[in-house]
Amino acid sequence: IIHANLVNQAKDLDISLNLYINQILASAIENNRLESSIMNKLGEICGKIDFHHYEVTRQLRFQTENIKTGFTWAAEYSSPYMKIA
């Protein structure tokens, strides 16, 4: 049944069955490559969001702890990733 369907689809496209199957396989490989690339980028974005959340939480904790003494986080807070002028 699968072979017959592929033959009919190739006929509809007016190409050989061999060429049609090659196109299907090439498309599947490209889709897999793109999916892998997208997943890698999503992983990078998730890492950056996690780091941002960590830094914001750290800043808020510092500010909350020091606001009672009159200091602001901008004056006293230091991060290895952020230089405050």
N, C-alpha and C. Protein backbone atom coordinates (compact mmCIF):
# COMPACT_ATOMS: atom_id res chain seq x y z
N ILE A 1 0.84 -1.20 0.00
CA ILE A 1 0.00 0.00 0.00
C ILE A 1 0.87 1.25 0.00
N ILE A 2 1.92 1.25 0.83
CA ILE A 2 2.81 2.43 0.89
C ILE A 2 3.48 2.64 -0.47
N HIS A 3 3.98 1.55 -1.05
CA HIS A 3 4.65 1.66 -2.35
C HIS A 3 3.69 2.20 -3.40
N ALA A 4 2.47 1.69 -3.42
CA ALA A 4 1.48 2.14 -4.40
C ALA A 4 1.17 3.63 -4.20
N ASN A 5 1.05 4.06 -2.95
CA ASN A 5 0.80 5.48 -2.68
C ASN A 5 1.96 6.35 -3.16
N LEU A 6 3.17 5.90 -2.91
CA LEU A 6 4.35 6.65 -3.36
C LEU A 6 4.40 6.72 -4.89
N VAL A 7 4.10 5.61 -5.54
CA VAL A 7 4.07 5.59 -7.01
C VAL A 7 3.05 6.59 -7.53
N ASN A 8 1.86 6.60 -6.96
CA ASN A 8 0.81 7.52 -7.41
C ASN A 8 1.20 8.98 -7.15
N GLN A 9 1.80 9.25 -6.01
CA GLN A 9 2.22 10.63 -5.70
C GLN A 9 3.31 11.08 -6.66
N ALA A 10 4.26 10.20 -6.97
CA ALA A 10 5.33 10.53 -7.92
C ALA A 10 4.74 10.78 -9.30
N LYS A 11 3.76 9.98 -9.71
CA LYS A 11 3.11 10.19 -11.01
C LYS A 11 2.41 11.54 -11.05
N ASP A 12 1.72 11.89 -9.94
CA ASP A 12 1.03 13.18 -9.88
C ASP A 12 2.01 14.34 -10.03
N LEU A 13 3.23 14.17 -9.54
CA LEU A 13 4.25 15.21 -9.64
C LEU A 13 5.05 15.11 -10.94
N ASP A 14 4.78 14.07 -11.70
CA ASP A 14 5.46 13.81 -12.98
C ASP A 14 6.97 13.67 -12.79
N ILE A 15 7.35 12.91 -11.75
CA ILE A 15 8.76 12.61 -11.50
C ILE A 15 8.88 11.11 -11.21
N SER A 16 10.11 10.61 -11.26
CA SER A 16 10.32 9.19 -11.00
C SER A 16 10.13 8.90 -9.51
N LEU A 17 9.82 7.64 -9.23
CA LEU A 17 9.66 7.22 -7.84
C LEU A 17 10.97 7.42 -7.08
N ASN A 18 12.09 7.10 -7.71
CA ASN A 18 13.40 7.26 -7.08
C ASN A 18 13.64 8.72 -6.69
N LEU A 19 13.38 9.65 -7.60
CA LEU A 19 13.57 11.07 -7.31
C LEU A 19 12.62 11.51 -6.20
N TYR A 20 11.39 11.05 -6.23
CA TYR A 20 10.41 11.43 -5.22
C TYR A 20 10.85 10.96 -3.83
N ILE A 21 11.31 9.71 -3.73
CA ILE A 21 11.77 9.18 -2.44
C ILE A 21 13.01 9.93 -1.96
N ASN A 22 13.92 10.27 -2.89
CA ASN A 22 15.10 11.07 -2.52
C ASN A 22 14.68 12.43 -1.96
N GLN A 23 13.68 13.06 -2.57
CA GLN A 23 13.20 14.35 -2.09
C GLN A 23 12.58 14.22 -0.69
N ILE A 24 11.82 13.16 -0.48
CA ILE A 24 11.21 12.93 0.84
C ILE A 24 12.29 12.75 1.90
N LEU A 25 13.30 11.94 1.59
CA LEU A 25 14.38 11.70 2.55
C LEU A 25 15.20 12.96 2.81
N ALA A 26 15.50 13.71 1.77
CA ALA A 26 16.25 14.96 1.94
C ALA A 26 15.47 15.95 2.80
N SER A 27 14.18 16.02 2.59
CA SER A 27 13.33 16.90 3.38
C SER A 27 13.31 16.48 4.85
N ALA A 28 13.24 15.19 5.10
CA ALA A 28 13.23 14.69 6.47
C ALA A 28 14.55 15.01 7.18
N ILE A 29 15.66 14.84 6.46
CA ILE A 29 16.97 15.16 7.04
C ILE A 29 17.08 16.64 7.36
N GLU A 30 16.64 17.49 6.46
CA GLU A 30 16.67 18.94 6.68
C GLU A 30 15.78 19.33 7.85
N ASN A 31 14.59 18.75 7.94
CA ASN A 31 13.70 19.04 9.05
C ASN A 31 14.33 18.64 10.38
N ASN A 32 15.00 17.50 10.39
CA ASN A 32 15.67 17.04 11.61
C ASN A 32 16.79 18.00 12.01
N ARG A 33 17.54 18.49 11.03
CA ARG A 33 18.62 19.44 11.29
C ARG A 33 18.07 20.74 11.85
N LEU A 34 16.98 21.22 11.24
CA LEU A 34 16.36 22.46 11.71
C LEU A 34 15.80 22.30 13.12
N GLU A 35 15.16 21.17 13.38
CA GLU A 35 14.60 20.91 14.70
C GLU A 35 15.71 20.89 15.75
N SER A 36 16.82 20.27 15.42
CA SER A 36 17.95 20.21 16.34
C SER A 36 18.50 21.61 16.60
N SER A 37 18.61 22.42 15.56
CA SER A 37 19.09 23.79 15.70
C SER A 37 18.15 24.61 16.56
N ILE A 38 16.86 24.45 16.35
CA ILE A 38 15.86 25.18 17.15
C ILE A 38 15.95 24.76 18.61
N MET A 39 16.09 23.49 18.87
CA MET A 39 16.19 23.00 20.25
C MET A 39 17.44 23.55 20.93
N ASN A 40 18.54 23.64 20.20
CA ASN A 40 19.77 24.21 20.76
C ASN A 40 19.56 25.68 21.13
N LYS A 41 18.93 26.43 20.24
CA LYS A 41 18.66 27.85 20.51
C LYS A 41 17.72 28.00 21.70
N LEU A 42 16.70 27.17 21.79
CA LEU A 42 15.79 27.22 22.94
C LEU A 42 16.54 26.93 24.24
N GLY A 43 17.46 26.01 24.20
CA GLY A 43 18.28 25.72 25.37
C GLY A 43 19.11 26.92 25.79
N GLU A 44 19.70 27.62 24.81
CA GLU A 44 20.46 28.84 25.10
C GLU A 44 19.57 29.91 25.72
N ILE A 45 18.39 30.09 25.15
CA ILE A 45 17.46 31.10 25.65
C ILE A 45 17.03 30.76 27.08
N CYS A 46 16.73 29.50 27.34
CA CYS A 46 16.33 29.08 28.69
C CYS A 46 17.45 29.35 29.68
N GLY A 47 18.68 29.09 29.29
CA GLY A 47 19.83 29.38 30.16
C GLY A 47 19.94 30.86 30.47
N LYS A 48 19.74 31.70 29.46
CA LYS A 48 19.81 33.14 29.66
C LYS A 48 18.68 33.64 30.55
N ILE A 49 17.50 33.07 30.38
CA ILE A 49 16.36 33.45 31.23
C ILE A 49 16.63 33.03 32.67
N ASP A 50 17.14 31.83 32.87
CA ASP A 50 17.46 31.36 34.22
C ASP A 50 18.50 32.27 34.88
N PHE A 51 19.54 32.65 34.12
CA PHE A 51 20.57 33.53 34.67
C PHE A 51 19.98 34.90 35.00
N HIS A 52 19.16 35.43 34.12
CA HIS A 52 18.52 36.72 34.37
C HIS A 52 17.66 36.66 35.64
N HIS A 53 16.89 35.60 35.78
CA HIS A 53 16.05 35.42 36.97
C HIS A 53 16.93 35.38 38.23
N TYR A 54 18.04 34.66 38.16
CA TYR A 54 18.96 34.57 39.29
C TYR A 54 19.48 35.96 39.65
N GLU A 55 19.92 36.74 38.66
CA GLU A 55 20.48 38.06 38.91
C GLU A 55 19.43 39.02 39.47
N VAL A 56 18.23 39.00 38.91
CA VAL A 56 17.17 39.88 39.42
C VAL A 56 16.83 39.52 40.85
N THR A 57 16.71 38.25 41.13
CA THR A 57 16.42 37.81 42.50
C THR A 57 17.54 38.23 43.45
N ARG A 58 18.76 38.10 43.02
CA ARG A 58 19.92 38.49 43.83
C ARG A 58 19.89 40.00 44.11
N GLN A 59 19.60 40.78 43.09
CA GLN A 59 19.53 42.23 43.27
C GLN A 59 18.41 42.62 44.22
N LEU A 60 17.26 41.99 44.06
CA LEU A 60 16.13 42.31 44.94
C LEU A 60 16.42 41.93 46.39
N ARG A 61 17.05 40.81 46.60
CA ARG A 61 17.41 40.41 47.97
C ARG A 61 18.39 41.41 48.57
N PHE A 62 19.39 41.81 47.79
CA PHE A 62 20.38 42.76 48.27
C PHE A 62 19.71 44.09 48.62
N GLN A 63 18.85 44.54 47.73
CA GLN A 63 18.16 45.81 47.96
C GLN A 63 17.28 45.72 49.20
N THR A 64 16.54 44.64 49.35
CA THR A 64 15.65 44.47 50.50
C THR A 64 16.44 44.46 51.81
N GLU A 65 17.57 43.77 51.81
CA GLU A 65 18.39 43.69 53.02
C GLU A 65 19.03 45.02 53.39
N ASN A 66 19.36 45.84 52.41
CA ASN A 66 20.09 47.06 52.67
C ASN A 66 19.25 48.33 52.66
N ILE A 67 18.01 48.23 52.26
CA ILE A 67 17.19 49.44 52.21
C ILE A 67 16.93 50.00 53.61
N LYS A 68 16.94 49.14 54.60
CA LYS A 68 16.73 49.57 55.99
C LYS A 68 17.84 50.50 56.46
N THR A 69 19.03 50.33 55.95
CA THR A 69 20.17 51.14 56.38
C THR A 69 20.36 52.38 55.52
N GLY A 70 19.53 52.58 54.52
CA GLY A 70 19.62 53.77 53.68
C GLY A 70 20.45 53.59 52.43
N PHE A 71 21.07 52.45 52.26
CA PHE A 71 21.83 52.20 51.05
C PHE A 71 20.90 51.69 49.95
N THR A 72 21.24 51.99 48.73
CA THR A 72 20.48 51.44 47.60
C THR A 72 21.35 50.41 46.92
N TRP A 73 20.74 49.50 46.25
CA TRP A 73 21.52 48.43 45.60
C TRP A 73 22.48 48.99 44.56
N ALA A 74 22.12 50.08 43.91
CA ALA A 74 22.98 50.64 42.86
C ALA A 74 24.29 51.14 43.45
N ALA A 75 24.26 51.61 44.69
CA ALA A 75 25.47 52.14 45.30
C ALA A 75 26.38 51.03 45.81
N GLU A 76 25.82 49.94 46.26
CA GLU A 76 26.60 48.91 46.92
C GLU A 76 26.67 47.57 46.19
N TYR A 77 25.72 47.31 45.31
CA TYR A 77 25.63 46.00 44.67
C TYR A 77 26.73 45.86 43.63
N SER A 78 27.36 44.69 43.60
CA SER A 78 28.32 44.42 42.54
C SER A 78 28.09 43.01 42.02
N SER A 79 28.22 42.88 40.73
CA SER A 79 28.06 41.60 40.08
C SER A 79 29.24 41.39 39.15
N PRO A 80 29.74 40.18 39.05
CA PRO A 80 30.83 39.95 38.10
C PRO A 80 30.40 40.13 36.65
N TYR A 81 29.09 40.19 36.40
CA TYR A 81 28.58 40.32 35.04
C TYR A 81 28.10 41.72 34.72
N MET A 82 28.10 42.60 35.75
CA MET A 82 27.53 43.91 35.53
C MET A 82 28.38 44.93 36.25
N LYS A 83 28.87 45.93 35.55
CA LYS A 83 29.64 47.00 36.16
C LYS A 83 28.75 48.22 36.29
N ILE A 84 28.67 48.75 37.49
CA ILE A 84 27.87 49.93 37.74
C ILE A 84 28.80 51.12 37.84
N ALA A 85 28.53 52.12 37.03
CA ALA A 85 29.39 53.30 37.02
C ALA A 85 28.98 54.28 38.11
